[in-house]
Structure formats: structure tokens, C-alpha cells
C-alpha atoms as a PDB file:
ATOM      1  CA  MET A   1      -4.889 -28.738 -19.922  1.00  0.00           C
ATOM      2  CA  ALA A   2      -2.116 -31.183 -19.964  1.00  0.00           C
ATOM      3  CA  THR A   3      -3.217 -34.881 -21.091  1.00  0.00           C
ATOM      4  CA  PRO A   4      -4.736 -36.141 -17.791  1.00  0.00           C
ATOM      5  CA  LEU A   5      -3.319 -39.482 -16.227  1.00  0.00           C
ATOM      6  CA  ASN A   6      -6.270 -42.223 -15.321  1.00  0.00           C
ATOM      7  CA  VAL A   7      -5.206 -43.619 -11.937  1.00  0.00           C
ATOM      8  CA  ARG A   8      -6.964 -46.241 -10.046  1.00  0.00           C
ATOM      9  CA  VAL A   9      -6.005 -46.948  -6.210  1.00  0.00           C
ATOM     10  CA  VAL A  10      -6.605 -50.639  -5.321  1.00  0.00           C
ATOM     11  CA  SER A  11      -6.393 -52.698  -2.023  1.00  0.00           C
ATOM     12  CA  ALA A  12      -6.864 -56.372  -1.782  1.00  0.00           C
ATOM     13  CA  ASP A  13     -10.751 -56.684  -1.807  1.00  0.00           C
ATOM     14  CA  HIS A  14     -11.833 -53.305  -3.052  1.00  0.00           C
ATOM     15  CA  GLU A  15     -11.019 -50.220  -5.276  1.00  0.00           C
ATOM     16  CA  VAL A  16      -9.967 -47.132  -3.042  1.00  0.00           C
ATOM     17  CA  TRP A  17     -10.165 -44.539  -5.454  1.00  0.00           C
ATOM     18  CA  SER A  18     -10.342 -43.846  -8.984  1.00  0.00           C
ATOM     19  CA  GLY A  19     -10.131 -40.959 -11.155  1.00  0.00           C
ATOM     20  CA  GLU A  20      -8.025 -38.410 -13.401  1.00  0.00           C
ATOM     21  CA  VAL A  21      -5.270 -36.577 -12.078  1.00  0.00           C
ATOM     22  CA  SER A  22      -2.367 -34.444 -13.390  1.00  0.00           C
ATOM     23  CA  MET A  23       0.231 -35.744 -11.093  1.00  0.00           C
ATOM     24  CA  VAL A  24       1.035 -38.508  -9.038  1.00  0.00           C
ATOM     25  CA  VAL A  25       3.887 -38.735  -6.294  1.00  0.00           C
ATOM     26  CA  ALA A  26       4.345 -42.520  -4.403  1.00  0.00           C
ATOM     27  CA  LYS A  27       6.780 -43.699  -2.446  1.00  0.00           C
ATOM     28  CA  THR A  28       8.670 -46.605  -3.485  1.00  0.00           C
ATOM     29  CA  VAL A  29      11.539 -48.715  -2.043  1.00  0.00           C
ATOM     30  CA  GLU A  30      14.020 -46.902  -4.003  1.00  0.00           C
ATOM     31  CA  GLY A  31      12.775 -43.935  -3.069  1.00  0.00           C
ATOM     32  CA  GLU A  32       9.699 -41.238  -4.057  1.00  0.00           C
ATOM     33  CA  ILE A  33       8.992 -41.194  -7.851  1.00  0.00           C
ATOM     34  CA  GLY A  34       6.529 -38.620  -9.412  1.00  0.00           C
ATOM     35  CA  ILE A  35       4.876 -39.164 -12.444  1.00  0.00           C
ATOM     36  CA  LEU A  36       3.068 -36.723 -14.900  1.00  0.00           C
ATOM     37  CA  ALA A  37       1.074 -37.444 -18.485  1.00  0.00           C
ATOM     38  CA  GLY A  38       3.683 -39.427 -20.925  1.00  0.00           C
ATOM     39  CA  HIS A  39       5.934 -40.678 -18.541  1.00  0.00           C
ATOM     40  CA  GLU A  40       7.482 -44.063 -19.847  1.00  0.00           C
ATOM     41  CA  PRO A  41       6.136 -47.207 -18.663  1.00  0.00           C
ATOM     42  CA  LEU A  42       7.097 -48.371 -14.975  1.00  0.00           C
ATOM     43  CA  LEU A  43       6.808 -50.926 -12.685  1.00  0.00           C
ATOM     44  CA  ALA A  44       7.923 -50.342  -9.195  1.00  0.00           C
ATOM     45  CA  ILE A  45       7.431 -51.591  -5.509  1.00  0.00           C
ATOM     46  CA  LEU A  46       5.851 -49.324  -3.150  1.00  0.00           C
ATOM     47  CA  SER A  47       7.438 -48.630   0.285  1.00  0.00           C
ATOM     48  CA  THR A  48       4.969 -48.341   3.361  1.00  0.00           C
ATOM     49  CA  GLY A  49       3.482 -44.688   2.978  1.00  0.00           C
ATOM     50  CA  GLU A  50       1.873 -42.206   0.799  1.00  0.00           C
ATOM     51  CA  ALA A  51       0.518 -41.664  -2.690  1.00  0.00           C
ATOM     52  CA  ARG A  52      -0.613 -37.963  -3.410  1.00  0.00           C
ATOM     53  CA  LEU A  53      -2.726 -37.675  -6.073  1.00  0.00           C
ATOM     54  CA  THR A  54      -2.895 -33.783  -7.712  1.00  0.00           C
ATOM     55  CA  LEU A  55      -5.973 -33.567  -9.785  1.00  0.00           C
ATOM     56  CA  ALA A  56      -6.647 -30.720 -12.363  1.00  0.00           C
ATOM     57  CA  ASP A  57      -8.184 -28.064 -10.385  1.00  0.00           C
ATOM     58  CA  GLY A  58      -5.141 -28.441  -7.729  1.00  0.00           C
ATOM     59  CA  THR A  59      -6.875 -30.461  -5.006  1.00  0.00           C
ATOM     60  CA  LYS A  60      -4.752 -33.166  -3.241  1.00  0.00           C
ATOM     61  CA  VAL A  61      -6.351 -36.869  -2.481  1.00  0.00           C
ATOM     62  CA  THR A  62      -3.804 -38.849  -0.664  1.00  0.00           C
ATOM     63  CA  ALA A  63      -3.885 -42.536  -0.019  1.00  0.00           C
ATOM     64  CA  GLU A  64      -1.827 -44.539   2.560  1.00  0.00           C
ATOM     65  CA  ALA A  65      -0.967 -47.860   0.627  1.00  0.00           C
ATOM     66  CA  ASP A  66       1.157 -50.688   2.160  1.00  0.00           C
ATOM     67  CA  ASP A  67       2.938 -53.447   0.132  1.00  0.00           C
ATOM     68  CA  GLY A  68       1.993 -53.393  -3.342  1.00  0.00           C
ATOM     69  CA  PHE A  69       3.503 -52.074  -6.624  1.00  0.00           C
ATOM     70  CA  ILE A  70       2.604 -49.174  -9.248  1.00  0.00           C
ATOM     71  CA  SER A  71       2.331 -49.637 -12.600  1.00  0.00           C
ATOM     72  CA  VAL A  72       2.245 -46.910 -15.454  1.00  0.00           C
ATOM     73  CA  GLU A  73       1.704 -47.405 -18.917  1.00  0.00           C
ATOM     74  CA  ASN A  74      -0.456 -45.334 -21.509  1.00  0.00           C
ATOM     75  CA  ASP A  75      -0.741 -42.246 -19.021  1.00  0.00           C
ATOM     76  CA  THR A  76      -2.679 -45.253 -16.918  1.00  0.00           C
ATOM     77  CA  VAL A  77      -1.431 -45.308 -13.580  1.00  0.00           C
ATOM     78  CA  THR A  78      -1.999 -48.572 -11.056  1.00  0.00           C
ATOM     79  CA  ILE A  79      -1.740 -48.478  -7.424  1.00  0.00           C
ATOM     80  CA  VAL A  80      -2.137 -52.070  -5.968  1.00  0.00           C
ATOM     81  CA  ALA A  81      -1.556 -52.280  -2.500  1.00  0.00           C
ATOM     82  CA  ARG A  82      -2.294 -55.260   0.028  1.00  0.00           C
ATOM     83  CA  ARG A  83      -3.802 -52.184   2.359  1.00  0.00           C
ATOM     84  CA  ALA A  84      -4.600 -49.246   0.869  1.00  0.00           C
ATOM     85  CA  GLU A  85      -7.377 -46.463   2.446  1.00  0.00           C
ATOM     86  CA  LEU A  86      -7.343 -42.812   1.941  1.00  0.00           C
ATOM     87  CA  VAL A  87      -6.018 -40.581   4.215  1.00  0.00           C
END
């Protein structure tokens, strides 16, 4: 198995989801971005929409995130949004 990404999805007042995934796809103001292990450091503004997380076994987790940002560094992805919830 490839190195997993450690992901946290947080809203303004609580953590919505955290765990290890193989891939993250998020909608930014510049378009969709896919993130795999080894991705370069990144900080981007989220657009209203879904963040799709793919677990190692292929299971999908989808979170709706509004007004926030995504940060990627050292195989750690943090999605911070004013409002976030699992779909």
C-alpha cells in the first residue's frame, strides 16, 4: 500500500472527520485539485462544494465544506471550513 495521507476536516466549532486516506479531491476557487501522498506543500482557498476522500480500501467519504481553506504539508491534509459536514 502507498503511504497514506493523514486528513482532518474541521468546521468552525468541531472536528467533522479525521483518518488516513489514499486520495483527496477538493474544490478550490481555481478548480478541483487531487492530492496523493508526496504532494508538494499547498495552501488553497476552498470553493463551496465537496471534498471527496478515498480510503485505502476504496471506500469514499464525502464532506461538504463552505468558506475555508485546504492545507497540505508532509502528507498531512487539513480542510478548515466555516461550515463542514459529512454528506
